[in-house]
Amino acid sequence: MLKFLVRDKIGIRKCLLNLFLQTRNYTTSEVYDYLKKQGFDVNYRGVSAMVGQMHTRLGILRIYLKREHRCYSLKEDHRDIVRMILTTPFSGKSLHPIP
């Protein structure tokens, strides 16, 4: 997961992980809207790919099917690990402040 964040040049992945630390389920559309409001220049397909990567490669997200939309949330047993990694200093530079 640290490698996932080190490659994050603008802070979008860190922002996304902070969003998932909130105890809620999010659709890709909600994640996209959130990142746009935070000032990131993203497209819907890119956000969908990033969330999919967090689910399949990192294995830290849980998927719920809600009508015709998929909802994602951070797995409970990964909360402390994600929180710890987000507070660990590393050499990734962020152009956006993280809430």
N, C-alpha and C. Protein backbone atom coordinates (compact mmCIF):
# COMPACT_ATOMS: atom_id res chain seq x y z
N MET A 1 0.82 -1.19 0.00
CA MET A 1 0.00 0.00 0.00
C MET A 1 0.87 1.26 0.00
N LEU A 2 2.02 1.17 0.64
CA LEU A 2 2.92 2.32 0.66
C LEU A 2 3.40 2.65 -0.76
N LYS A 3 3.65 1.62 -1.57
CA LYS A 3 4.05 1.83 -2.97
C LYS A 3 2.93 2.54 -3.73
N PHE A 4 1.69 2.19 -3.42
CA PHE A 4 0.51 2.83 -4.03
C PHE A 4 0.53 4.33 -3.74
N LEU A 5 0.92 4.71 -2.53
CA LEU A 5 0.95 6.12 -2.15
C LEU A 5 2.20 6.85 -2.64
N VAL A 6 3.32 6.18 -2.68
CA VAL A 6 4.56 6.81 -3.13
C VAL A 6 4.44 7.26 -4.58
N ARG A 7 3.72 6.51 -5.37
CA ARG A 7 3.52 6.86 -6.79
C ARG A 7 2.48 7.97 -6.98
N ASP A 8 1.89 8.41 -5.91
CA ASP A 8 0.85 9.44 -5.95
C ASP A 8 1.50 10.81 -6.02
N LYS A 9 1.57 11.38 -7.19
CA LYS A 9 2.27 12.66 -7.39
C LYS A 9 1.47 13.88 -6.93
N ILE A 10 0.15 13.81 -6.98
CA ILE A 10 -0.66 14.99 -6.67
C ILE A 10 -1.49 14.85 -5.39
N GLY A 11 -1.42 13.72 -4.73
CA GLY A 11 -2.14 13.54 -3.47
C GLY A 11 -3.54 12.97 -3.61
N ILE A 12 -3.92 12.56 -4.80
CA ILE A 12 -5.29 12.08 -5.02
C ILE A 12 -5.55 10.75 -4.31
N ARG A 13 -4.58 9.87 -4.30
CA ARG A 13 -4.77 8.56 -3.66
C ARG A 13 -4.88 8.72 -2.15
N LYS A 14 -4.07 9.60 -1.60
CA LYS A 14 -4.13 9.86 -0.16
C LYS A 14 -5.49 10.47 0.21
N CYS A 15 -5.96 11.39 -0.62
CA CYS A 15 -7.27 12.00 -0.40
C CYS A 15 -8.37 10.95 -0.46
N LEU A 16 -8.25 10.03 -1.40
CA LEU A 16 -9.23 8.96 -1.56
C LEU A 16 -9.23 8.03 -0.35
N LEU A 17 -8.06 7.68 0.15
CA LEU A 17 -7.99 6.83 1.34
C LEU A 17 -8.59 7.54 2.55
N ASN A 18 -8.34 8.84 2.67
CA ASN A 18 -8.95 9.61 3.76
C ASN A 18 -10.47 9.59 3.66
N LEU A 19 -10.99 9.67 2.45
CA LEU A 19 -12.44 9.60 2.25
C LEU A 19 -12.98 8.27 2.75
N PHE A 20 -12.30 7.18 2.38
CA PHE A 20 -12.78 5.86 2.78
C PHE A 20 -12.60 5.58 4.27
N LEU A 21 -11.77 6.37 4.96
CA LEU A 21 -11.66 6.20 6.41
C LEU A 21 -12.93 6.62 7.12
N GLN A 22 -13.72 7.47 6.48
CA GLN A 22 -15.02 7.82 7.05
C GLN A 22 -15.90 6.57 6.94
N THR A 23 -16.69 6.31 7.93
CA THR A 23 -17.47 5.07 7.94
C THR A 23 -18.73 5.22 7.09
N ARG A 24 -18.54 5.08 5.78
CA ARG A 24 -19.65 5.18 4.82
C ARG A 24 -19.35 4.34 3.62
N ASN A 25 -20.40 4.03 2.87
CA ASN A 25 -20.27 3.38 1.57
C ASN A 25 -20.34 4.47 0.50
N TYR A 26 -19.52 4.34 -0.52
CA TYR A 26 -19.50 5.33 -1.59
C TYR A 26 -19.61 4.64 -2.95
N THR A 27 -20.41 5.23 -3.83
CA THR A 27 -20.43 4.77 -5.21
C THR A 27 -19.28 5.46 -5.94
N THR A 28 -18.93 4.95 -7.10
CA THR A 28 -17.88 5.58 -7.90
C THR A 28 -18.26 7.01 -8.24
N SER A 29 -19.53 7.24 -8.49
CA SER A 29 -20.01 8.58 -8.81
C SER A 29 -19.80 9.54 -7.64
N GLU A 30 -20.07 9.08 -6.42
CA GLU A 30 -19.87 9.92 -5.24
C GLU A 30 -18.38 10.21 -5.02
N VAL A 31 -17.55 9.21 -5.26
CA VAL A 31 -16.10 9.40 -5.14
C VAL A 31 -15.63 10.41 -6.18
N TYR A 32 -16.10 10.27 -7.39
CA TYR A 32 -15.76 11.20 -8.48
C TYR A 32 -16.15 12.63 -8.10
N ASP A 33 -17.39 12.82 -7.64
CA ASP A 33 -17.87 14.15 -7.25
C ASP A 33 -17.01 14.73 -6.12
N TYR A 34 -16.66 13.90 -5.15
CA TYR A 34 -15.84 14.35 -4.02
C TYR A 34 -14.47 14.83 -4.51
N LEU A 35 -13.83 14.06 -5.36
CA LEU A 35 -12.50 14.42 -5.85
C LEU A 35 -12.54 15.69 -6.70
N LYS A 36 -13.61 15.87 -7.48
CA LYS A 36 -13.76 17.09 -8.27
C LYS A 36 -13.89 18.30 -7.33
N LYS A 37 -14.69 18.15 -6.26
CA LYS A 37 -14.87 19.24 -5.30
C LYS A 37 -13.57 19.57 -4.57
N GLN A 38 -12.70 18.58 -4.43
CA GLN A 38 -11.40 18.80 -3.78
C GLN A 38 -10.40 19.47 -4.72
N GLY A 39 -10.79 19.65 -5.98
CA GLY A 39 -9.95 20.37 -6.93
C GLY A 39 -9.09 19.49 -7.82
N PHE A 40 -9.32 18.20 -7.81
CA PHE A 40 -8.54 17.30 -8.66
C PHE A 40 -9.12 17.28 -10.07
N ASP A 41 -8.25 17.27 -11.06
CA ASP A 41 -8.66 17.20 -12.46
C ASP A 41 -8.72 15.72 -12.84
N VAL A 42 -9.89 15.11 -12.65
CA VAL A 42 -10.06 13.68 -12.88
C VAL A 42 -11.22 13.44 -13.84
N ASN A 43 -11.22 12.24 -14.43
CA ASN A 43 -12.39 11.84 -15.21
C ASN A 43 -13.00 10.60 -14.53
N TYR A 44 -14.23 10.32 -14.88
CA TYR A 44 -14.97 9.25 -14.22
C TYR A 44 -14.29 7.90 -14.39
N ARG A 45 -13.81 7.62 -15.59
CA ARG A 45 -13.17 6.32 -15.85
C ARG A 45 -11.89 6.16 -15.03
N GLY A 46 -11.15 7.23 -14.87
CA GLY A 46 -9.93 7.18 -14.07
C GLY A 46 -10.22 6.90 -12.61
N VAL A 47 -11.27 7.53 -12.09
CA VAL A 47 -11.68 7.29 -10.70
C VAL A 47 -12.15 5.85 -10.54
N SER A 48 -12.93 5.38 -11.49
CA SER A 48 -13.41 4.00 -11.45
C SER A 48 -12.23 3.02 -11.44
N ALA A 49 -11.22 3.28 -12.25
CA ALA A 49 -10.04 2.41 -12.31
C ALA A 49 -9.27 2.45 -10.99
N MET A 50 -9.15 3.63 -10.39
CA MET A 50 -8.42 3.76 -9.14
C MET A 50 -9.13 3.02 -8.00
N VAL A 51 -10.44 3.16 -7.93
CA VAL A 51 -11.22 2.46 -6.91
C VAL A 51 -11.15 0.95 -7.15
N GLY A 52 -11.24 0.54 -8.41
CA GLY A 52 -11.13 -0.88 -8.74
C GLY A 52 -9.78 -1.45 -8.36
N GLN A 53 -8.73 -0.69 -8.56
CA GLN A 53 -7.39 -1.12 -8.18
C GLN A 53 -7.28 -1.27 -6.66
N MET A 54 -7.88 -0.35 -5.93
CA MET A 54 -7.86 -0.45 -4.47
C MET A 54 -8.60 -1.70 -4.00
N HIS A 55 -9.63 -2.07 -4.74
CA HIS A 55 -10.40 -3.26 -4.37
C HIS A 55 -9.67 -4.54 -4.75
N THR A 56 -9.22 -4.64 -5.99
CA THR A 56 -8.65 -5.90 -6.46
C THR A 56 -7.19 -6.10 -6.08
N ARG A 57 -6.36 -5.09 -6.26
CA ARG A 57 -4.93 -5.28 -5.99
C ARG A 57 -4.56 -5.10 -4.53
N LEU A 58 -5.12 -4.08 -3.90
CA LEU A 58 -4.79 -3.85 -2.49
C LEU A 58 -5.67 -4.67 -1.56
N GLY A 59 -6.89 -4.96 -2.00
CA GLY A 59 -7.80 -5.77 -1.20
C GLY A 59 -8.32 -5.09 0.05
N ILE A 60 -8.35 -3.75 0.04
CA ILE A 60 -8.76 -3.04 1.25
C ILE A 60 -10.20 -2.55 1.21
N LEU A 61 -10.85 -2.69 0.05
CA LEU A 61 -12.23 -2.23 -0.07
C LEU A 61 -13.20 -3.40 -0.17
N ARG A 62 -14.37 -3.19 0.37
CA ARG A 62 -15.46 -4.16 0.28
C ARG A 62 -16.47 -3.59 -0.71
N ILE A 63 -17.07 -4.47 -1.49
CA ILE A 63 -18.08 -4.06 -2.49
C ILE A 63 -19.46 -4.50 -2.03
N TYR A 64 -20.41 -3.60 -2.17
CA TYR A 64 -21.82 -3.90 -1.94
C TYR A 64 -22.57 -3.56 -3.22
N LEU A 65 -23.49 -4.41 -3.61
CA LEU A 65 -24.34 -4.07 -4.75
C LEU A 65 -25.59 -3.40 -4.22
N LYS A 66 -25.83 -2.19 -4.68
CA LYS A 66 -26.97 -1.40 -4.23
C LYS A 66 -27.76 -1.03 -5.47
N ARG A 67 -28.83 -1.74 -5.69
CA ARG A 67 -29.61 -1.61 -6.92
C ARG A 67 -28.70 -1.86 -8.11
N GLU A 68 -28.52 -0.87 -8.97
CA GLU A 68 -27.65 -1.09 -10.13
C GLU A 68 -26.25 -0.51 -9.94
N HIS A 69 -25.96 0.03 -8.76
CA HIS A 69 -24.65 0.63 -8.50
C HIS A 69 -23.85 -0.20 -7.50
N ARG A 70 -22.54 -0.16 -7.68
CA ARG A 70 -21.65 -0.78 -6.70
C ARG A 70 -21.27 0.26 -5.66
N CYS A 71 -21.29 -0.13 -4.41
CA CYS A 71 -20.84 0.74 -3.33
C CYS A 71 -19.59 0.14 -2.72
N TYR A 72 -18.65 1.00 -2.40
CA TYR A 72 -17.38 0.57 -1.83
C TYR A 72 -17.22 1.15 -0.43
N SER A 73 -16.60 0.37 0.44
CA SER A 73 -16.24 0.86 1.77
C SER A 73 -14.93 0.21 2.19
N LEU A 74 -14.25 0.86 3.11
CA LEU A 74 -12.99 0.33 3.61
C LEU A 74 -13.29 -0.83 4.55
N LYS A 75 -12.59 -1.94 4.37
CA LYS A 75 -12.78 -3.09 5.25
C LYS A 75 -12.35 -2.71 6.66
N GLU A 76 -13.15 -3.12 7.64
CA GLU A 76 -12.91 -2.77 9.04
C GLU A 76 -11.50 -3.14 9.49
N ASP A 77 -11.03 -4.32 9.12
CA ASP A 77 -9.73 -4.77 9.60
C ASP A 77 -8.56 -4.05 8.94
N HIS A 78 -8.83 -3.16 8.00
CA HIS A 78 -7.77 -2.38 7.36
C HIS A 78 -7.74 -0.93 7.81
N ARG A 79 -8.70 -0.51 8.62
CA ARG A 79 -8.79 0.89 9.05
C ARG A 79 -7.53 1.38 9.76
N ASP A 80 -7.08 0.62 10.75
CA ASP A 80 -5.91 1.04 11.52
C ASP A 80 -4.66 1.08 10.66
N ILE A 81 -4.52 0.12 9.76
CA ILE A 81 -3.35 0.08 8.87
C ILE A 81 -3.35 1.30 7.95
N VAL A 82 -4.50 1.60 7.35
CA VAL A 82 -4.60 2.75 6.45
C VAL A 82 -4.32 4.04 7.22
N ARG A 83 -4.89 4.17 8.41
CA ARG A 83 -4.68 5.36 9.23
C ARG A 83 -3.18 5.53 9.56
N MET A 84 -2.53 4.42 9.91
CA MET A 84 -1.11 4.46 10.25
C MET A 84 -0.27 4.86 9.02
N ILE A 85 -0.56 4.29 7.87
CA ILE A 85 0.20 4.60 6.66
C ILE A 85 -0.01 6.05 6.24
N LEU A 86 -1.22 6.56 6.40
CA LEU A 86 -1.48 7.95 6.02
C LEU A 86 -0.73 8.94 6.90
N THR A 87 -0.39 8.55 8.11
CA THR A 87 0.35 9.44 9.01
C THR A 87 1.85 9.24 8.93
N THR A 88 2.30 8.24 8.14
CA THR A 88 3.72 7.97 7.97
C THR A 88 4.29 8.91 6.91
N PRO A 89 5.35 9.65 7.25
CA PRO A 89 5.95 10.52 6.23
C PRO A 89 6.68 9.71 5.17
N PHE A 90 6.50 10.09 3.93
CA PHE A 90 7.22 9.46 2.82
C PHE A 90 7.50 10.53 1.79
N SER A 91 8.28 10.20 0.80
CA SER A 91 8.77 11.22 -0.13
C SER A 91 7.82 11.54 -1.27
N GLY A 92 6.54 11.28 -1.11
CA GLY A 92 5.59 11.66 -2.15
C GLY A 92 5.18 13.11 -1.96
N LYS A 93 5.18 13.90 -3.03
CA LYS A 93 4.81 15.31 -2.93
C LYS A 93 3.35 15.46 -3.32
N SER A 94 2.64 16.28 -2.58
CA SER A 94 1.23 16.51 -2.84
C SER A 94 1.01 17.97 -3.19
N LEU A 95 0.25 18.21 -4.24
CA LEU A 95 -0.08 19.57 -4.63
C LEU A 95 -1.35 20.06 -3.96
N HIS A 96 -2.12 19.14 -3.38
CA HIS A 96 -3.39 19.48 -2.76
C HIS A 96 -3.32 19.19 -1.27
N PRO A 97 -3.88 20.07 -0.43
CA PRO A 97 -3.93 19.77 1.00
C PRO A 97 -4.90 18.62 1.25
N ILE A 98 -4.56 17.77 2.18
CA ILE A 98 -5.40 16.62 2.51
C ILE A 98 -6.26 16.99 3.71
N PRO A 99 -7.59 16.82 3.60
CA PRO A 99 -8.47 17.19 4.72
C PRO A 99 -8.28 16.29 5.92
